[in-house]
Amino acid sequence: YNVVIVEGAGGLLVPIKKINGKIFTYLDLIKALDVPVIIVAKSTLGTINHTVLTVRALKNEGVYIKGIIMNKYPQNPDWVVKTNPEVIKEMTGIDKIIKIPYLEDISEDIKRKVMLLV
């Protein structure tokens, strides 16, 4: 396969299982697989904090971040949501931030935008 997606639901430090008495997390899995990461973040209030913390944790572990997807981005965002991508970009240094609206069906245009990260 050209692309394999490994989803880490809930965050980097969510436990997957215990191995030899040590809790194995999604961050451990990412490091074991030695794969780049695309962060999928909410577009709501609070996303700056959890997204920047995620980026810092990944960078501290030497994980390459390909970009960030701002998921379920509203058609008419309020000023908080509207400024989130730029603030995250400034605080993390990650230039590739894609805003994806809530969709019932994913269009070819959206698929192309996401594939640019891959």
N, C-alpha and C. Protein backbone atom coordinates (compact mmCIF):
# COMPACT_ATOMS: atom_id res chain seq x y z
N TYR A 1 0.83 -1.18 0.00
CA TYR A 1 0.00 0.00 0.00
C TYR A 1 0.88 1.25 0.00
N ASN A 2 0.42 2.28 -0.70
CA ASN A 2 1.14 3.55 -0.69
C ASN A 2 0.95 4.30 0.62
N VAL A 3 -0.24 4.16 1.20
CA VAL A 3 -0.56 4.86 2.44
C VAL A 3 -1.27 3.90 3.38
N VAL A 4 -0.86 3.89 4.62
CA VAL A 4 -1.55 3.13 5.66
C VAL A 4 -1.87 4.11 6.78
N ILE A 5 -3.12 4.13 7.21
CA ILE A 5 -3.54 5.04 8.28
C ILE A 5 -3.66 4.26 9.58
N VAL A 6 -2.98 4.75 10.61
CA VAL A 6 -3.08 4.18 11.94
C VAL A 6 -3.73 5.24 12.81
N GLU A 7 -4.94 4.98 13.25
CA GLU A 7 -5.67 5.98 14.03
C GLU A 7 -5.38 5.82 15.51
N GLY A 8 -5.09 6.94 16.15
CA GLY A 8 -4.89 6.95 17.59
C GLY A 8 -6.01 7.73 18.25
N ALA A 9 -7.09 7.07 18.58
CA ALA A 9 -8.26 7.75 19.12
C ALA A 9 -8.05 8.17 20.57
N GLY A 10 -8.36 9.43 20.86
CA GLY A 10 -8.34 9.90 22.23
C GLY A 10 -7.11 10.67 22.65
N GLY A 11 -6.03 10.56 21.92
CA GLY A 11 -4.83 11.32 22.27
C GLY A 11 -3.60 10.44 22.40
N LEU A 12 -2.45 11.09 22.43
CA LEU A 12 -1.16 10.39 22.44
C LEU A 12 -0.95 9.49 23.64
N LEU A 13 -1.44 9.89 24.79
CA LEU A 13 -1.13 9.15 26.01
C LEU A 13 -2.22 8.19 26.44
N VAL A 14 -3.14 7.89 25.53
CA VAL A 14 -4.17 6.89 25.82
C VAL A 14 -3.51 5.51 25.87
N PRO A 15 -3.75 4.75 26.95
CA PRO A 15 -3.15 3.42 27.04
C PRO A 15 -3.77 2.46 26.03
N ILE A 16 -2.91 1.65 25.42
CA ILE A 16 -3.38 0.61 24.49
C ILE A 16 -3.40 -0.73 25.23
N LYS A 17 -2.29 -1.05 25.88
CA LYS A 17 -2.20 -2.28 26.66
C LYS A 17 -0.99 -2.21 27.57
N LYS A 18 -0.88 -3.18 28.44
CA LYS A 18 0.27 -3.27 29.34
C LYS A 18 1.21 -4.34 28.79
N ILE A 19 2.49 -3.98 28.65
CA ILE A 19 3.49 -4.92 28.16
C ILE A 19 4.62 -4.97 29.18
N ASN A 20 4.86 -6.17 29.72
CA ASN A 20 5.90 -6.35 30.73
C ASN A 20 5.78 -5.34 31.87
N GLY A 21 4.56 -5.10 32.31
CA GLY A 21 4.31 -4.20 33.42
C GLY A 21 4.32 -2.72 33.07
N LYS A 22 4.56 -2.39 31.80
CA LYS A 22 4.59 -0.98 31.38
C LYS A 22 3.39 -0.69 30.49
N ILE A 23 2.75 0.44 30.74
CA ILE A 23 1.62 0.85 29.90
C ILE A 23 2.14 1.33 28.56
N PHE A 24 1.61 0.76 27.48
CA PHE A 24 1.98 1.08 26.10
C PHE A 24 0.91 2.02 25.54
N THR A 25 1.32 3.22 25.11
CA THR A 25 0.39 4.25 24.65
C THR A 25 0.46 4.42 23.13
N TYR A 26 -0.44 5.27 22.61
CA TYR A 26 -0.37 5.59 21.18
C TYR A 26 0.96 6.26 20.83
N LEU A 27 1.50 7.06 21.73
CA LEU A 27 2.81 7.67 21.48
C LEU A 27 3.88 6.59 21.35
N ASP A 28 3.82 5.58 22.19
CA ASP A 28 4.76 4.46 22.08
C ASP A 28 4.60 3.74 20.75
N LEU A 29 3.36 3.56 20.30
CA LEU A 29 3.09 2.91 19.02
C LEU A 29 3.67 3.72 17.86
N ILE A 30 3.46 5.03 17.88
CA ILE A 30 3.99 5.91 16.83
C ILE A 30 5.51 5.78 16.77
N LYS A 31 6.15 5.80 17.93
CA LYS A 31 7.61 5.68 17.97
C LYS A 31 8.07 4.31 17.50
N ALA A 32 7.35 3.26 17.88
CA ALA A 32 7.72 1.90 17.47
C ALA A 32 7.58 1.71 15.96
N LEU A 33 6.54 2.30 15.39
CA LEU A 33 6.33 2.19 13.94
C LEU A 33 7.22 3.14 13.16
N ASP A 34 7.76 4.16 13.83
CA ASP A 34 8.62 5.17 13.21
C ASP A 34 7.93 5.78 11.98
N VAL A 35 6.73 6.32 12.23
CA VAL A 35 5.93 6.90 11.14
C VAL A 35 5.69 8.39 11.39
N PRO A 36 5.51 9.15 10.31
CA PRO A 36 5.13 10.55 10.48
C PRO A 36 3.68 10.64 10.94
N VAL A 37 3.32 11.80 11.49
CA VAL A 37 1.99 11.98 12.07
C VAL A 37 1.26 13.14 11.40
N ILE A 38 -0.03 12.95 11.19
CA ILE A 38 -0.95 14.03 10.84
C ILE A 38 -1.90 14.15 12.02
N ILE A 39 -1.89 15.30 12.66
CA ILE A 39 -2.74 15.53 13.83
C ILE A 39 -4.12 15.97 13.35
N VAL A 40 -5.15 15.34 13.88
CA VAL A 40 -6.52 15.76 13.61
C VAL A 40 -7.03 16.42 14.88
N ALA A 41 -7.38 17.71 14.76
CA ALA A 41 -7.78 18.50 15.92
C ALA A 41 -9.19 19.05 15.75
N LYS A 42 -9.84 19.27 16.87
CA LYS A 42 -11.14 19.93 16.84
C LYS A 42 -10.97 21.37 16.40
N SER A 43 -12.04 21.97 15.94
CA SER A 43 -12.00 23.37 15.54
C SER A 43 -12.62 24.28 16.60
N THR A 44 -12.88 23.74 17.77
CA THR A 44 -13.63 24.47 18.80
C THR A 44 -12.71 25.12 19.84
N LEU A 45 -13.32 25.83 20.76
CA LEU A 45 -12.61 26.43 21.89
C LEU A 45 -11.86 25.33 22.64
N GLY A 46 -10.60 25.58 22.95
CA GLY A 46 -9.78 24.59 23.66
C GLY A 46 -8.80 23.88 22.76
N THR A 47 -8.98 24.00 21.46
CA THR A 47 -8.11 23.27 20.55
C THR A 47 -6.68 23.78 20.55
N ILE A 48 -6.48 25.06 20.82
CA ILE A 48 -5.11 25.58 20.86
C ILE A 48 -4.32 24.82 21.92
N ASN A 49 -4.87 24.70 23.10
CA ASN A 49 -4.18 24.02 24.19
C ASN A 49 -3.87 22.57 23.84
N HIS A 50 -4.88 21.79 23.47
CA HIS A 50 -4.60 20.36 23.26
C HIS A 50 -3.77 20.10 22.01
N THR A 51 -3.90 20.95 20.99
CA THR A 51 -3.11 20.75 19.78
C THR A 51 -1.65 21.12 20.02
N VAL A 52 -1.41 22.24 20.67
CA VAL A 52 -0.02 22.66 20.95
C VAL A 52 0.65 21.66 21.90
N LEU A 53 -0.07 21.17 22.90
CA LEU A 53 0.50 20.15 23.78
C LEU A 53 0.85 18.88 23.02
N THR A 54 -0.02 18.47 22.09
CA THR A 54 0.25 17.29 21.28
C THR A 54 1.49 17.49 20.42
N VAL A 55 1.58 18.65 19.77
CA VAL A 55 2.75 18.95 18.94
C VAL A 55 4.02 18.92 19.78
N ARG A 56 3.99 19.56 20.94
CA ARG A 56 5.19 19.59 21.80
C ARG A 56 5.60 18.18 22.24
N ALA A 57 4.62 17.36 22.61
CA ALA A 57 4.94 15.99 23.03
C ALA A 57 5.57 15.21 21.88
N LEU A 58 5.01 15.34 20.68
CA LEU A 58 5.57 14.63 19.52
C LEU A 58 6.98 15.12 19.19
N LYS A 59 7.16 16.44 19.19
CA LYS A 59 8.49 16.99 18.89
C LYS A 59 9.51 16.57 19.95
N ASN A 60 9.10 16.55 21.21
CA ASN A 60 10.02 16.11 22.28
C ASN A 60 10.48 14.67 22.10
N GLU A 61 9.65 13.87 21.44
CA GLU A 61 9.98 12.47 21.20
C GLU A 61 10.61 12.26 19.82
N GLY A 62 10.84 13.35 19.09
CA GLY A 62 11.49 13.25 17.78
C GLY A 62 10.60 12.74 16.67
N VAL A 63 9.29 12.85 16.84
CA VAL A 63 8.34 12.38 15.82
C VAL A 63 8.11 13.49 14.80
N TYR A 64 8.15 13.11 13.51
CA TYR A 64 7.93 14.07 12.43
C TYR A 64 6.43 14.31 12.26
N ILE A 65 6.03 15.57 12.24
CA ILE A 65 4.63 15.95 12.07
C ILE A 65 4.46 16.51 10.66
N LYS A 66 3.61 15.85 9.86
CA LYS A 66 3.39 16.29 8.47
C LYS A 66 2.44 17.46 8.38
N GLY A 67 1.53 17.58 9.32
CA GLY A 67 0.57 18.67 9.28
C GLY A 67 -0.55 18.46 10.27
N ILE A 68 -1.49 19.39 10.23
CA ILE A 68 -2.63 19.37 11.15
C ILE A 68 -3.91 19.53 10.34
N ILE A 69 -4.91 18.73 10.66
CA ILE A 69 -6.25 18.88 10.08
C ILE A 69 -7.14 19.46 11.16
N MET A 70 -7.76 20.60 10.86
CA MET A 70 -8.77 21.18 11.75
C MET A 70 -10.10 20.57 11.32
N ASN A 71 -10.62 19.65 12.10
CA ASN A 71 -11.77 18.86 11.72
C ASN A 71 -13.09 19.54 12.08
N LYS A 72 -14.10 19.28 11.26
CA LYS A 72 -15.46 19.82 11.46
C LYS A 72 -15.45 21.35 11.55
N TYR A 73 -14.68 21.97 10.67
CA TYR A 73 -14.56 23.43 10.66
C TYR A 73 -15.89 24.02 10.19
N PRO A 74 -16.49 24.93 10.98
CA PRO A 74 -17.82 25.47 10.64
C PRO A 74 -17.78 26.40 9.43
N GLN A 75 -18.92 26.48 8.72
CA GLN A 75 -19.03 27.38 7.57
C GLN A 75 -18.92 28.84 7.99
N ASN A 76 -19.47 29.17 9.14
CA ASN A 76 -19.42 30.55 9.66
C ASN A 76 -18.80 30.55 11.05
N PRO A 77 -17.47 30.42 11.12
CA PRO A 77 -16.83 30.32 12.42
C PRO A 77 -16.87 31.64 13.20
N ASP A 78 -16.98 31.52 14.53
CA ASP A 78 -16.86 32.73 15.36
C ASP A 78 -15.38 33.11 15.41
N TRP A 79 -15.07 34.23 16.06
CA TRP A 79 -13.69 34.73 16.03
C TRP A 79 -12.71 33.79 16.71
N VAL A 80 -13.17 33.04 17.72
CA VAL A 80 -12.28 32.09 18.40
C VAL A 80 -11.86 30.99 17.43
N VAL A 81 -12.84 30.39 16.79
CA VAL A 81 -12.56 29.30 15.84
C VAL A 81 -11.76 29.83 14.65
N LYS A 82 -12.12 31.00 14.17
CA LYS A 82 -11.45 31.58 13.00
C LYS A 82 -9.96 31.81 13.25
N THR A 83 -9.59 32.19 14.47
CA THR A 83 -8.18 32.49 14.76
C THR A 83 -7.37 31.26 15.19
N ASN A 84 -8.03 30.16 15.51
CA ASN A 84 -7.32 28.97 15.98
C ASN A 84 -6.20 28.51 15.04
N PRO A 85 -6.46 28.32 13.74
CA PRO A 85 -5.38 27.82 12.87
C PRO A 85 -4.14 28.71 12.85
N GLU A 86 -4.33 30.02 12.78
CA GLU A 86 -3.19 30.93 12.73
C GLU A 86 -2.41 30.93 14.05
N VAL A 87 -3.12 30.89 15.16
CA VAL A 87 -2.45 30.86 16.47
C VAL A 87 -1.67 29.54 16.62
N ILE A 88 -2.28 28.43 16.23
CA ILE A 88 -1.60 27.13 16.30
C ILE A 88 -0.36 27.14 15.42
N LYS A 89 -0.49 27.68 14.22
CA LYS A 89 0.66 27.78 13.31
C LYS A 89 1.79 28.58 13.96
N GLU A 90 1.45 29.71 14.54
CA GLU A 90 2.45 30.57 15.17
C GLU A 90 3.11 29.89 16.38
N MET A 91 2.31 29.17 17.16
CA MET A 91 2.85 28.56 18.38
C MET A 91 3.62 27.27 18.13
N THR A 92 3.37 26.61 16.99
CA THR A 92 4.00 25.31 16.73
C THR A 92 5.03 25.35 15.60
N GLY A 93 4.90 26.34 14.71
CA GLY A 93 5.77 26.37 13.54
C GLY A 93 5.33 25.43 12.44
N ILE A 94 4.16 24.83 12.59
CA ILE A 94 3.65 23.93 11.55
C ILE A 94 2.85 24.74 10.55
N ASP A 95 3.31 24.72 9.29
CA ASP A 95 2.68 25.52 8.24
C ASP A 95 1.49 24.84 7.59
N LYS A 96 1.52 23.52 7.53
CA LYS A 96 0.46 22.78 6.84
C LYS A 96 -0.71 22.54 7.79
N ILE A 97 -1.69 23.43 7.71
CA ILE A 97 -2.91 23.28 8.50
C ILE A 97 -4.08 23.36 7.53
N ILE A 98 -4.86 22.29 7.47
CA ILE A 98 -5.99 22.20 6.55
C ILE A 98 -7.28 22.24 7.35
N LYS A 99 -8.24 23.06 6.91
CA LYS A 99 -9.55 23.14 7.55
C LYS A 99 -10.53 22.27 6.76
N ILE A 100 -11.11 21.28 7.44
CA ILE A 100 -12.06 20.37 6.81
C ILE A 100 -13.42 20.58 7.47
N PRO A 101 -14.45 20.95 6.70
CA PRO A 101 -15.78 21.13 7.29
C PRO A 101 -16.42 19.79 7.64
N TYR A 102 -17.48 19.84 8.45
CA TYR A 102 -18.25 18.62 8.71
C TYR A 102 -18.88 18.20 7.39
N LEU A 103 -18.75 16.93 7.06
CA LEU A 103 -19.26 16.43 5.79
C LEU A 103 -19.97 15.10 5.98
N GLU A 104 -21.08 14.94 5.28
CA GLU A 104 -21.74 13.64 5.24
C GLU A 104 -20.97 12.72 4.30
N ASP A 105 -20.45 13.30 3.22
CA ASP A 105 -19.71 12.54 2.22
C ASP A 105 -18.47 13.36 1.85
N ILE A 106 -17.36 12.70 1.68
CA ILE A 106 -16.11 13.40 1.39
C ILE A 106 -15.95 13.57 -0.12
N SER A 107 -15.80 14.81 -0.56
CA SER A 107 -15.65 15.11 -1.98
C SER A 107 -14.22 14.82 -2.43
N GLU A 108 -14.04 14.74 -3.73
CA GLU A 108 -12.71 14.52 -4.29
C GLU A 108 -11.77 15.67 -3.94
N ASP A 109 -12.31 16.90 -3.86
CA ASP A 109 -11.48 18.05 -3.52
C ASP A 109 -10.91 17.90 -2.11
N ILE A 110 -11.72 17.47 -1.18
CA ILE A 110 -11.26 17.28 0.20
C ILE A 110 -10.23 16.15 0.24
N LYS A 111 -10.47 15.07 -0.49
CA LYS A 111 -9.51 13.97 -0.53
C LYS A 111 -8.16 14.45 -1.04
N ARG A 112 -8.17 15.28 -2.08
CA ARG A 112 -6.91 15.82 -2.63
C ARG A 112 -6.18 16.67 -1.60
N LYS A 113 -6.91 17.51 -0.87
CA LYS A 113 -6.29 18.36 0.15
C LYS A 113 -5.62 17.52 1.23
N VAL A 114 -6.31 16.49 1.68
CA VAL A 114 -5.76 15.63 2.72
C VAL A 114 -4.54 14.87 2.18
N MET A 115 -4.61 14.41 0.94
CA MET A 115 -3.50 13.66 0.37
C MET A 115 -2.26 14.53 0.20
N LEU A 116 -2.41 15.85 0.13
CA LEU A 116 -1.25 16.73 0.07
C LEU A 116 -0.41 16.62 1.33
N LEU A 117 -1.04 16.29 2.44
CA LEU A 117 -0.29 16.09 3.68
C LEU A 117 0.50 14.79 3.66
N VAL A 118 -0.06 13.79 2.99
CA VAL A 118 0.57 12.48 2.95
C VAL A 118 1.70 12.53 1.97
